[in-house]
Amino acid sequence: MAGHRQDKLNNAVCLELAAIIREVKDPRVSGTFVSIVGANVSPDLSTARIFYSVLGKDEGVQKGLVSATGFIRSELAKRLNLRITPKLTFVRDNNTERAMEISQILKNIEG
């Protein structure tokens, strides 16, 4: 049962962060298309690894997210009503980008 609750929490964090990211005023974040692709919250809620992808050039998105962490955490705390708001670590996930590159290569081979 704990695994199911953990999955629900990870999904809730993902959904809320996707909305919160759009409210970040930092131009390094607001000027790009950032997508939250996953969240891995530790069982004790102390930390959360947030996986994101960026469409196009990553012009300092990581630094922008780190700089906006205080705002993001406070918004997350308000929206999810957790006892403890986890410390967030942002991790770039390049799988989407890689999939698009492979798709383009395959189109070039076919075409």
PDB file of N, CA and C in Angstrom:
ATOM      1  N   MET A   1       0.821  -1.202   0.000  1.00  0.00           N
ATOM      2  CA  MET A   1       0.000   0.000   0.000  1.00  0.00           C
ATOM      3  C   MET A   1       0.864   1.266   0.000  1.00  0.00           C
ATOM      4  N   ALA A   2       1.990   1.211   0.683  1.00  0.00           N
ATOM      5  CA  ALA A   2       2.868   2.389   0.766  1.00  0.00           C
ATOM      6  C   ALA A   2       3.368   2.781  -0.618  1.00  0.00           C
ATOM      7  N   GLY A   3       3.625   1.787  -1.488  1.00  0.00           N
ATOM      8  CA  GLY A   3       4.094   2.069  -2.836  1.00  0.00           C
ATOM      9  C   GLY A   3       3.072   2.861  -3.631  1.00  0.00           C
ATOM     10  N   HIS A   4       1.794   2.509  -3.447  1.00  0.00           N
ATOM     11  CA  HIS A   4       0.714   3.209  -4.143  1.00  0.00           C
ATOM     12  C   HIS A   4       0.628   4.662  -3.673  1.00  0.00           C
ATOM     13  N   ARG A   5       0.741   4.857  -2.359  1.00  0.00           N
ATOM     14  CA  ARG A   5       0.675   6.214  -1.811  1.00  0.00           C
ATOM     15  C   ARG A   5       1.862   7.044  -2.324  1.00  0.00           C
ATOM     16  N   GLN A   6       3.035   6.420  -2.401  1.00  0.00           N
ATOM     17  CA  GLN A   6       4.235   7.104  -2.904  1.00  0.00           C
ATOM     18  C   GLN A   6       4.034   7.518  -4.364  1.00  0.00           C
ATOM     19  N   ASP A   7       3.459   6.632  -5.170  1.00  0.00           N
ATOM     20  CA  ASP A   7       3.187   6.943  -6.576  1.00  0.00           C
ATOM     21  C   ASP A   7       2.217   8.120  -6.690  1.00  0.00           C
ATOM     22  N   LYS A   8       1.181   8.116  -5.853  1.00  0.00           N
ATOM     23  CA  LYS A   8       0.205   9.204  -5.873  1.00  0.00           C
ATOM     24  C   LYS A   8       0.874  10.529  -5.504  1.00  0.00           C
ATOM     25  N   LEU A   9       1.747  10.488  -4.514  1.00  0.00           N
ATOM     26  CA  LEU A   9       2.452  11.692  -4.090  1.00  0.00           C
ATOM     27  C   LEU A   9       3.370  12.194  -5.213  1.00  0.00           C
ATOM     28  N   ASN A  10       4.115  11.282  -5.831  1.00  0.00           N
ATOM     29  CA  ASN A  10       5.000  11.655  -6.936  1.00  0.00           C
ATOM     30  C   ASN A  10       4.204  12.311  -8.067  1.00  0.00           C
ATOM     31  N   ASN A  11       3.043  11.721  -8.401  1.00  0.00           N
ATOM     32  CA  ASN A  11       2.204  12.275  -9.465  1.00  0.00           C
ATOM     33  C   ASN A  11       1.655  13.646  -9.075  1.00  0.00           C
ATOM     34  N   ALA A  12       1.213  13.786  -7.818  1.00  0.00           N
ATOM     35  CA  ALA A  12       0.678  15.069  -7.349  1.00  0.00           C
ATOM     36  C   ALA A  12       1.757  16.149  -7.409  1.00  0.00           C
ATOM     37  N   VAL A  13       2.963  15.810  -6.985  1.00  0.00           N
ATOM     38  CA  VAL A  13       4.080  16.763  -7.021  1.00  0.00           C
ATOM     39  C   VAL A  13       4.352  17.168  -8.480  1.00  0.00           C
ATOM     40  N   CYS A  14       4.346  16.201  -9.376  1.00  0.00           N
ATOM     41  CA  CYS A  14       4.565  16.467 -10.806  1.00  0.00           C
ATOM     42  C   CYS A  14       3.536  17.449 -11.356  1.00  0.00           C
ATOM     43  N   LEU A  15       2.269  17.154 -11.094  1.00  0.00           N
ATOM     44  CA  LEU A  15       1.197  18.002 -11.619  1.00  0.00           C
ATOM     45  C   LEU A  15       1.280  19.423 -11.074  1.00  0.00           C
ATOM     46  N   GLU A  16       1.494  19.543  -9.775  1.00  0.00           N
ATOM     47  CA  GLU A  16       1.574  20.879  -9.172  1.00  0.00           C
ATOM     48  C   GLU A  16       2.792  21.643  -9.679  1.00  0.00           C
ATOM     49  N   LEU A  17       3.922  20.960  -9.785  1.00  0.00           N
ATOM     50  CA  LEU A  17       5.137  21.635 -10.262  1.00  0.00           C
ATOM     51  C   LEU A  17       4.985  22.109 -11.700  1.00  0.00           C
ATOM     52  N   ALA A  18       4.279  21.332 -12.514  1.00  0.00           N
ATOM     53  CA  ALA A  18       4.052  21.733 -13.905  1.00  0.00           C
ATOM     54  C   ALA A  18       3.325  23.078 -13.939  1.00  0.00           C
ATOM     55  N   ALA A  19       2.364  23.262 -13.043  1.00  0.00           N
ATOM     56  CA  ALA A  19       1.627  24.527 -12.974  1.00  0.00           C
ATOM     57  C   ALA A  19       2.491  25.631 -12.358  1.00  0.00           C
ATOM     58  N   ILE A  20       3.212  25.298 -11.299  1.00  0.00           N
ATOM     59  CA  ILE A  20       4.036  26.292 -10.596  1.00  0.00           C
ATOM     60  C   ILE A  20       5.145  26.827 -11.506  1.00  0.00           C
ATOM     61  N   ILE A  21       5.759  25.958 -12.289  1.00  0.00           N
ATOM     62  CA  ILE A  21       6.858  26.350 -13.184  1.00  0.00           C
ATOM     63  C   ILE A  21       6.410  27.471 -14.120  1.00  0.00           C
ATOM     64  N   ARG A  22       5.135  27.430 -14.555  1.00  0.00           N
ATOM     65  CA  ARG A  22       4.626  28.464 -15.457  1.00  0.00           C
ATOM     66  C   ARG A  22       4.507  29.825 -14.772  1.00  0.00           C
ATOM     67  N   GLU A  23       4.517  29.836 -13.429  1.00  0.00           N
ATOM     68  CA  GLU A  23       4.398  31.092 -12.687  1.00  0.00           C
ATOM     69  C   GLU A  23       5.759  31.683 -12.304  1.00  0.00           C
ATOM     70  N   VAL A  24       6.827  30.932 -12.552  1.00  0.00           N
ATOM     71  CA  VAL A  24       8.175  31.413 -12.208  1.00  0.00           C
ATOM     72  C   VAL A  24       8.509  32.611 -13.093  1.00  0.00           C
ATOM     73  N   LYS A  25       8.928  33.692 -12.468  1.00  0.00           N
ATOM     74  CA  LYS A  25       9.210  34.938 -13.195  1.00  0.00           C
ATOM     75  C   LYS A  25      10.624  34.991 -13.789  1.00  0.00           C
ATOM     76  N   ASP A  26      11.514  34.141 -13.312  1.00  0.00           N
ATOM     77  CA  ASP A  26      12.897  34.147 -13.791  1.00  0.00           C
ATOM     78  C   ASP A  26      12.911  33.925 -15.309  1.00  0.00           C
ATOM     79  N   PRO A  27      13.495  34.857 -16.080  1.00  0.00           N
ATOM     80  CA  PRO A  27      13.497  34.731 -17.545  1.00  0.00           C
ATOM     81  C   PRO A  27      14.201  33.476 -18.062  1.00  0.00           C
ATOM     82  N   ARG A  28      15.119  32.922 -17.272  1.00  0.00           N
ATOM     83  CA  ARG A  28      15.799  31.690 -17.704  1.00  0.00           C
ATOM     84  C   ARG A  28      14.814  30.527 -17.731  1.00  0.00           C
ATOM     85  N   VAL A  29      13.744  30.637 -16.935  1.00  0.00           N
ATOM     86  CA  VAL A  29      12.728  29.582 -16.887  1.00  0.00           C
ATOM     87  C   VAL A  29      11.518  29.979 -17.733  1.00  0.00           C
ATOM     88  N   SER A  30      11.018  31.203 -17.537  1.00  0.00           N
ATOM     89  CA  SER A  30       9.805  31.629 -18.235  1.00  0.00           C
ATOM     90  C   SER A  30      10.017  31.797 -19.735  1.00  0.00           C
ATOM     91  N   GLY A  31      11.265  32.017 -20.153  1.00  0.00           N
ATOM     92  CA  GLY A  31      11.548  32.212 -21.565  1.00  0.00           C
ATOM     93  C   GLY A  31      11.730  30.925 -22.355  1.00  0.00           C
ATOM     94  N   THR A  32      11.588  29.781 -21.699  1.00  0.00           N
ATOM     95  CA  THR A  32      11.770  28.498 -22.385  1.00  0.00           C
ATOM     96  C   THR A  32      10.585  27.584 -22.093  1.00  0.00           C
ATOM     97  N   PHE A  33      10.482  26.529 -22.862  1.00  0.00           N
ATOM     98  CA  PHE A  33       9.417  25.559 -22.649  1.00  0.00           C
ATOM     99  C   PHE A  33       9.960  24.457 -21.754  1.00  0.00           C
ATOM    100  N   VAL A  34       9.678  24.557 -20.453  1.00  0.00           N
ATOM    101  CA  VAL A  34      10.147  23.578 -19.478  1.00  0.00           C
ATOM    102  C   VAL A  34       9.000  22.641 -19.163  1.00  0.00           C
ATOM    103  N   SER A  35       9.289  21.367 -19.157  1.00  0.00           N
ATOM    104  CA  SER A  35       8.278  20.358 -18.907  1.00  0.00           C
ATOM    105  C   SER A  35       8.731  19.473 -17.749  1.00  0.00           C
ATOM    106  N   ILE A  36       7.861  19.275 -16.767  1.00  0.00           N
ATOM    107  CA  ILE A  36       8.178  18.377 -15.647  1.00  0.00           C
ATOM    108  C   ILE A  36       7.802  16.971 -16.088  1.00  0.00           C
ATOM    109  N   VAL A  37       8.780  16.074 -16.137  1.00  0.00           N
ATOM    110  CA  VAL A  37       8.514  14.722 -16.633  1.00  0.00           C
ATOM    111  C   VAL A  37       8.456  13.671 -15.527  1.00  0.00           C
ATOM    112  N   GLY A  38       8.866  14.040 -14.320  1.00  0.00           N
ATOM    113  CA  GLY A  38       8.793  13.066 -13.234  1.00  0.00           C
ATOM    114  C   GLY A  38       9.230  13.661 -11.914  1.00  0.00           C
ATOM    115  N   ALA A  39       8.800  13.009 -10.844  1.00  0.00           N
ATOM    116  CA  ALA A  39       9.217  13.413  -9.506  1.00  0.00           C
ATOM    117  C   ALA A  39       9.447  12.157  -8.698  1.00  0.00           C
ATOM    118  N   ASN A  40      10.482  12.184  -7.878  1.00  0.00           N
ATOM    119  CA  ASN A  40      10.776  11.050  -7.022  1.00  0.00           C
ATOM    120  C   ASN A  40      10.969  11.590  -5.603  1.00  0.00           C
ATOM    121  N   VAL A  41       9.888  11.548  -4.827  1.00  0.00           N
ATOM    122  CA  VAL A  41       9.913  12.059  -3.458  1.00  0.00           C
ATOM    123  C   VAL A  41      10.369  10.942  -2.534  1.00  0.00           C
ATOM    124  N   SER A  42      11.304  11.246  -1.640  1.00  0.00           N
ATOM    125  CA  SER A  42      11.786  10.232  -0.702  1.00  0.00           C
ATOM    126  C   SER A  42      10.653   9.861   0.262  1.00  0.00           C
ATOM    127  N   PRO A  43      10.653   8.631   0.769  1.00  0.00           N
ATOM    128  CA  PRO A  43       9.582   8.182   1.666  1.00  0.00           C
ATOM    129  C   PRO A  43       9.399   9.069   2.910  1.00  0.00           C
ATOM    130  N   ASP A  44      10.476   9.679   3.390  1.00  0.00           N
ATOM    131  CA  ASP A  44      10.352  10.535   4.579  1.00  0.00           C
ATOM    132  C   ASP A  44      10.038  11.994   4.219  1.00  0.00           C
ATOM    133  N   LEU A  45       9.787  12.256   2.937  1.00  0.00           N
ATOM    134  CA  LEU A  45       9.427  13.583   2.409  1.00  0.00           C
ATOM    135  C   LEU A  45      10.527  14.637   2.547  1.00  0.00           C
ATOM    136  N   SER A  46      11.744  14.233   2.888  1.00  0.00           N
ATOM    137  CA  SER A  46      12.795  15.229   3.102  1.00  0.00           C
ATOM    138  C   SER A  46      13.365  15.767   1.790  1.00  0.00           C
ATOM    139  N   THR A  47      13.389  14.939   0.760  1.00  0.00           N
ATOM    140  CA  THR A  47      13.944  15.369  -0.526  1.00  0.00           C
ATOM    141  C   THR A  47      13.067  14.903  -1.680  1.00  0.00           C
ATOM    142  N   ALA A  48      13.209  15.592  -2.797  1.00  0.00           N
ATOM    143  CA  ALA A  48      12.510  15.183  -4.016  1.00  0.00           C
ATOM    144  C   ALA A  48      13.396  15.502  -5.202  1.00  0.00           C
ATOM    145  N   ARG A  49      13.584  14.497  -6.046  1.00  0.00           N
ATOM    146  CA  ARG A  49      14.311  14.716  -7.300  1.00  0.00           C
ATOM    147  C   ARG A  49      13.253  15.011  -8.356  1.00  0.00           C
ATOM    148  N   ILE A  50      13.391  16.152  -8.999  1.00  0.00           N
ATOM    149  CA  ILE A  50      12.425  16.591 -10.002  1.00  0.00           C
ATOM    150  C   ILE A  50      13.085  16.497 -11.367  1.00  0.00           C
ATOM    151  N   PHE A  51      12.509  15.693 -12.232  1.00  0.00           N
ATOM    152  CA  PHE A  51      13.062  15.490 -13.570  1.00  0.00           C
ATOM    153  C   PHE A  51      12.329  16.402 -14.544  1.00  0.00           C
ATOM    154  N   TYR A  52      13.093  17.176 -15.313  1.00  0.00           N
ATOM    155  CA  TYR A  52      12.482  18.103 -16.259  1.00  0.00           C
ATOM    156  C   TYR A  52      13.155  17.986 -17.610  1.00  0.00           C
ATOM    157  N   SER A  53      12.442  18.412 -18.639  1.00  0.00           N
ATOM    158  CA  SER A  53      13.053  18.480 -19.964  1.00  0.00           C
ATOM    159  C   SER A  53      12.794  19.877 -20.515  1.00  0.00           C
ATOM    160  N   VAL A  54      13.633  20.263 -21.443  1.00  0.00           N
ATOM    161  CA  VAL A  54      13.538  21.586 -22.051  1.00  0.00           C
ATOM    162  C   VAL A  54      13.460  21.400 -23.555  1.00  0.00           C
ATOM    163  N   LEU A  55      12.479  22.032 -24.166  1.00  0.00           N
ATOM    164  CA  LEU A  55      12.358  21.985 -25.615  1.00  0.00           C
ATOM    165  C   LEU A  55      13.191  23.134 -26.172  1.00  0.00           C
ATOM    166  N   GLY A  56      14.127  22.819 -27.021  1.00  0.00           N
ATOM    167  CA  GLY A  56      15.006  23.852 -27.569  1.00  0.00           C
ATOM    168  C   GLY A  56      16.253  24.014 -26.721  1.00  0.00           C
ATOM    169  N   LYS A  57      16.816  25.211 -26.759  1.00  0.00           N
ATOM    170  CA  LYS A  57      18.069  25.473 -26.051  1.00  0.00           C
ATOM    171  C   LYS A  57      17.854  25.641 -24.548  1.00  0.00           C
ATOM    172  N   ASP A  58      18.773  25.079 -23.786  1.00  0.00           N
ATOM    173  CA  ASP A  58      18.733  25.179 -22.324  1.00  0.00           C
ATOM    174  C   ASP A  58      19.647  26.330 -21.926  1.00  0.00           C
ATOM    175  N   GLU A  59      19.112  27.545 -21.955  1.00  0.00           N
ATOM    176  CA  GLU A  59      19.905  28.731 -21.623  1.00  0.00           C
ATOM    177  C   GLU A  59      19.844  29.012 -20.125  1.00  0.00           C
ATOM    178  N   GLY A  60      20.504  28.196 -19.337  1.00  0.00           N
ATOM    179  CA  GLY A  60      20.541  28.448 -17.900  1.00  0.00           C
ATOM    180  C   GLY A  60      19.268  28.079 -17.153  1.00  0.00           C
ATOM    181  N   VAL A  61      18.469  27.170 -17.708  1.00  0.00           N
ATOM    182  CA  VAL A  61      17.222  26.768 -17.052  1.00  0.00           C
ATOM    183  C   VAL A  61      17.512  26.180 -15.673  1.00  0.00           C
ATOM    184  N   GLN A  62      18.547  25.337 -15.590  1.00  0.00           N
ATOM    185  CA  GLN A  62      18.902  24.708 -14.306  1.00  0.00           C
ATOM    186  C   GLN A  62      19.158  25.780 -13.244  1.00  0.00           C
ATOM    187  N   LYS A  63      19.954  26.798 -13.590  1.00  0.00           N
ATOM    188  CA  LYS A  63      20.255  27.875 -12.639  1.00  0.00           C
ATOM    189  C   LYS A  63      19.005  28.656 -12.282  1.00  0.00           C
ATOM    190  N   GLY A  64      18.140  28.869 -13.262  1.00  0.00           N
ATOM    191  CA  GLY A  64      16.882  29.575 -13.016  1.00  0.00           C
ATOM    192  C   GLY A  64      15.987  28.812 -12.058  1.00  0.00           C
ATOM    193  N   LEU A  65      15.919  27.496 -12.238  1.00  0.00           N
ATOM    194  CA  LEU A  65      15.099  26.662 -11.351  1.00  0.00           C
ATOM    195  C   LEU A  65      15.660  26.666  -9.934  1.00  0.00           C
ATOM    196  N   VAL A  66      16.983  26.549  -9.835  1.00  0.00           N
ATOM    197  CA  VAL A  66      17.625  26.554  -8.517  1.00  0.00           C
ATOM    198  C   VAL A  66      17.360  27.897  -7.829  1.00  0.00           C
ATOM    199  N   SER A  67      17.472  28.979  -8.582  1.00  0.00           N
ATOM    200  CA  SER A  67      17.260  30.301  -8.003  1.00  0.00           C
ATOM    201  C   SER A  67      15.804  30.509  -7.578  1.00  0.00           C
ATOM    202  N   ALA A  68      14.863  29.837  -8.244  1.00  0.00           N
ATOM    203  CA  ALA A  68      13.438  29.979  -7.918  1.00  0.00           C
ATOM    204  C   ALA A  68      12.959  28.910  -6.933  1.00  0.00           C
ATOM    205  N   THR A  69      13.868  28.103  -6.402  1.00  0.00           N
ATOM    206  CA  THR A  69      13.480  26.986  -5.535  1.00  0.00           C
ATOM    207  C   THR A  69      12.655  27.429  -4.327  1.00  0.00           C
ATOM    208  N   GLY A  70      13.002  28.539  -3.711  1.00  0.00           N
ATOM    209  CA  GLY A  70      12.249  29.029  -2.553  1.00  0.00           C
ATOM    210  C   GLY A  70      10.795  29.272  -2.904  1.00  0.00           C
ATOM    211  N   PHE A  71      10.554  29.979  -4.006  1.00  0.00           N
ATOM    212  CA  PHE A  71       9.204  30.248  -4.476  1.00  0.00           C
ATOM    213  C   PHE A  71       8.481  28.934  -4.800  1.00  0.00           C
ATOM    214  N   ILE A  72       9.167  28.047  -5.514  1.00  0.00           N
ATOM    215  CA  ILE A  72       8.562  26.775  -5.941  1.00  0.00           C
ATOM    216  C   ILE A  72       8.163  25.941  -4.723  1.00  0.00           C
ATOM    217  N   ARG A  73       9.059  25.856  -3.735  1.00  0.00           N
ATOM    218  CA  ARG A  73       8.760  25.077  -2.512  1.00  0.00           C
ATOM    219  C   ARG A  73       7.592  25.675  -1.742  1.00  0.00           C
ATOM    220  N   SER A  74       7.549  27.004  -1.622  1.00  0.00           N
ATOM    221  CA  SER A  74       6.461  27.616  -0.852  1.00  0.00           C
ATOM    222  C   SER A  74       5.127  27.402  -1.560  1.00  0.00           C
ATOM    223  N   GLU A  75       5.114  27.502  -2.888  1.00  0.00           N
ATOM    224  CA  GLU A  75       3.888  27.234  -3.642  1.00  0.00           C
ATOM    225  C   GLU A  75       3.462  25.769  -3.501  1.00  0.00           C
ATOM    226  N   LEU A  76       4.436  24.876  -3.560  1.00  0.00           N
ATOM    227  CA  LEU A  76       4.158  23.442  -3.427  1.00  0.00           C
ATOM    228  C   LEU A  76       3.557  23.154  -2.049  1.00  0.00           C
ATOM    229  N   ALA A  77       4.108  23.788  -1.019  1.00  0.00           N
ATOM    230  CA  ALA A  77       3.603  23.597   0.347  1.00  0.00           C
ATOM    231  C   ALA A  77       2.152  24.059   0.451  1.00  0.00           C
ATOM    232  N   LYS A  78       1.833  25.207  -0.150  1.00  0.00           N
ATOM    233  CA  LYS A  78       0.459  25.732  -0.112  1.00  0.00           C
ATOM    234  C   LYS A  78      -0.508  24.791  -0.821  1.00  0.00           C
ATOM    235  N   ARG A  79      -0.094  24.300  -1.967  1.00  0.00           N
ATOM    236  CA  ARG A  79      -1.003  23.518  -2.810  1.00  0.00           C
ATOM    237  C   ARG A  79      -1.190  22.079  -2.350  1.00  0.00           C
ATOM    238  N   LEU A  80      -0.140  21.477  -1.805  1.00  0.00           N
ATOM    239  CA  LEU A  80      -0.228  20.058  -1.432  1.00  0.00           C
ATOM    240  C   LEU A  80      -0.508  19.832   0.045  1.00  0.00           C
ATOM    241  N   ASN A  81      -0.340  20.859   0.859  1.00  0.00           N
ATOM    242  CA  ASN A  81      -0.627  20.746   2.291  1.00  0.00           C
ATOM    243  C   ASN A  81       0.103  19.560   2.932  1.00  0.00           C
ATOM    244  N   LEU A  82       1.418  19.505   2.711  1.00  0.00           N
ATOM    245  CA  LEU A  82       2.231  18.426   3.283  1.00  0.00           C
ATOM    246  C   LEU A  82       2.789  18.860   4.637  1.00  0.00           C
ATOM    247  N   ARG A  83       3.001  17.889   5.516  1.00  0.00           N
ATOM    248  CA  ARG A  83       3.632  18.170   6.813  1.00  0.00           C
ATOM    249  C   ARG A  83       4.994  18.798   6.595  1.00  0.00           C
ATOM    250  N   ILE A  84       5.730  18.191   5.682  1.00  0.00           N
ATOM    251  CA  ILE A  84       7.097  18.610   5.376  1.00  0.00           C
ATOM    252  C   ILE A  84       7.144  18.896   3.877  1.00  0.00           C
ATOM    253  N   THR A  85       7.741  20.007   3.514  1.00  0.00           N
ATOM    254  CA  THR A  85       7.931  20.272   2.087  1.00  0.00           C
ATOM    255  C   THR A  85       9.339  19.811   1.731  1.00  0.00           C
ATOM    256  N   PRO A  86       9.442  18.874   0.782  1.00  0.00           N
ATOM    257  CA  PRO A  86      10.762  18.325   0.461  1.00  0.00           C
ATOM    258  C   PRO A  86      11.718  19.343  -0.134  1.00  0.00           C
ATOM    259  N   LYS A  87      13.010  19.108   0.101  1.00  0.00           N
ATOM    260  CA  LYS A  87      14.070  19.895  -0.526  1.00  0.00           C
ATOM    261  C   LYS A  87      14.134  19.412  -1.978  1.00  0.00           C
ATOM    262  N   LEU A  88      14.067  20.343  -2.915  1.00  0.00           N
ATOM    263  CA  LEU A  88      13.987  19.982  -4.330  1.00  0.00           C
ATOM    264  C   LEU A  88      15.354  19.968  -5.004  1.00  0.00           C
ATOM    265  N   THR A  89      15.581  18.924  -5.798  1.00  0.00           N
ATOM    266  CA  THR A  89      16.773  18.831  -6.637  1.00  0.00           C
ATOM    267  C   THR A  89      16.286  18.655  -8.065  1.00  0.00           C
ATOM    268  N   PHE A  90      16.698  19.560  -8.948  1.00  0.00           N
ATOM    269  CA  PHE A  90      16.260  19.491 -10.335  1.00  0.00           C
ATOM    270  C   PHE A  90      17.274  18.733 -11.173  1.00  0.00           C
ATOM    271  N   VAL A  91      16.769  17.757 -11.954  1.00  0.00           N
ATOM    272  CA  VAL A  91      17.618  16.903 -12.779  1.00  0.00           C
ATOM    273  C   VAL A  91      17.099  16.965 -14.208  1.00  0.00           C
ATOM    274  N   ARG A  92      17.973  17.365 -15.135  1.00  0.00           N
ATOM    275  CA  ARG A  92      17.562  17.440 -16.540  1.00  0.00           C
ATOM    276  C   ARG A  92      17.394  16.035 -17.104  1.00  0.00           C
ATOM    277  N   ASP A  93      16.277  15.814 -17.765  1.00  0.00           N
ATOM    278  CA  ASP A  93      15.980  14.526 -18.386  1.00  0.00           C
ATOM    279  C   ASP A  93      16.003  14.733 -19.899  1.00  0.00           C
ATOM    280  N   ASN A  94      16.958  14.117 -20.555  1.00  0.00           N
ATOM    281  CA  ASN A  94      17.120  14.326 -22.001  1.00  0.00           C
ATOM    282  C   ASN A  94      16.405  13.275 -22.851  1.00  0.00           C
ATOM    283  N   ASN A  95      15.621  12.400 -22.242  1.00  0.00           N
ATOM    284  CA  ASN A  95      14.982  11.319 -22.996  1.00  0.00           C
ATOM    285  C   ASN A  95      14.076  11.835 -24.106  1.00  0.00           C
ATOM    286  N   THR A  96      13.296  12.882 -23.832  1.00  0.00           N
ATOM    287  CA  THR A  96      12.383  13.425 -24.840  1.00  0.00           C
ATOM    288  C   THR A  96      13.178  13.969 -26.014  1.00  0.00           C
ATOM    289  N   GLU A  97      14.228  14.713 -25.694  1.00  0.00           N
ATOM    290  CA  GLU A  97      15.081  15.286 -26.731  1.00  0.00           C
ATOM    291  C   GLU A  97      15.712  14.178 -27.583  1.00  0.00           C
ATOM    292  N   ARG A  98      16.219  13.146 -26.890  1.00  0.00           N
ATOM    293  CA  ARG A  98      16.848  12.031 -27.592  1.00  0.00           C
ATOM    294  C   ARG A  98      15.843  11.320 -28.490  1.00  0.00           C
ATOM    295  N   ALA A  99      14.627  11.134 -28.011  1.00  0.00           N
ATOM    296  CA  ALA A  99      13.589  10.467 -28.798  1.00  0.00           C
ATOM    297  C   ALA A  99      13.271  11.272 -30.062  1.00  0.00           C
ATOM    298  N   MET A 100      13.236  12.605 -29.928  1.00  0.00           N
ATOM    299  CA  MET A 100      12.966  13.458 -31.094  1.00  0.00           C
ATOM    300  C   MET A 100      14.099  13.366 -32.106  1.00  0.00           C
ATOM    301  N   GLU A 101      15.344  13.307 -31.624  1.00  0.00           N
ATOM    302  CA  GLU A 101      16.492  13.190 -32.528  1.00  0.00           C
ATOM    303  C   GLU A 101      16.450  11.862 -33.282  1.00  0.00           C
ATOM    304  N   ILE A 102      16.147  10.790 -32.565  1.00  0.00           N
ATOM    305  CA  ILE A 102      16.069   9.460 -33.191  1.00  0.00           C
ATOM    306  C   ILE A 102      14.949   9.441 -34.226  1.00  0.00           C
ATOM    307  N   SER A 103      13.812  10.035 -33.884  1.00  0.00           N
ATOM    308  CA  SER A 103      12.686  10.106 -34.801  1.00  0.00           C
ATOM    309  C   SER A 103      13.079  10.839 -36.081  1.00  0.00           C
ATOM    310  N   GLN A 104      13.816  11.938 -35.930  1.00  0.00           N
ATOM    311  CA  GLN A 104      14.265  12.724 -37.089  1.00  0.00           C
ATOM    312  C   GLN A 104      15.227  11.902 -37.953  1.00  0.00           C
ATOM    313  N   ILE A 105      16.131  11.178 -37.310  1.00  0.00           N
ATOM    314  CA  ILE A 105      17.079  10.330 -38.050  1.00  0.00           C
ATOM    315  C   ILE A 105      16.330   9.276 -38.847  1.00  0.00           C
ATOM    316  N   LEU A 106      15.333   8.656 -38.216  1.00  0.00           N
ATOM    317  CA  LEU A 106      14.542   7.629 -38.907  1.00  0.00           C
ATOM    318  C   LEU A 106      13.769   8.207 -40.081  1.00  0.00           C
ATOM    319  N   LYS A 107      13.228   9.416 -39.907  1.00  0.00           N
ATOM    320  CA  LYS A 107      12.516  10.078 -41.024  1.00  0.00           C
ATOM    321  C   LYS A 107      13.477  10.334 -42.173  1.00  0.00           C
ATOM    322  N   ASN A 108      14.716  10.753 -41.842  1.00  0.00           N
ATOM    323  CA  ASN A 108      15.698  11.025 -42.892  1.00  0.00           C
ATOM    324  C   ASN A 108      16.069   9.753 -43.641  1.00  0.00           C
ATOM    325  N   ILE A 109      16.143   8.639 -42.928  1.00  0.00           N
ATOM    326  CA  ILE A 109      16.488   7.349 -43.560  1.00  0.00           C
ATOM    327  C   ILE A 109      15.349   6.915 -44.486  1.00  0.00           C
ATOM    328  N   GLU A 110      14.103   7.057 -44.010  1.00  0.00           N
ATOM    329  CA  GLU A 110      12.935   6.653 -44.814  1.00  0.00           C
ATOM    330  C   GLU A 110      12.742   7.538 -46.026  1.00  0.00           C
ATOM    331  N   GLY A 111      13.002   8.850 -45.824  1.00  0.00           N
ATOM    332  CA  GLY A 111      12.636   9.836 -46.843  1.00  0.00           C
ATOM    333  C   GLY A 111      13.602   9.962 -47.937  1.00  0.00           C
TER     334      GLY A 111
END
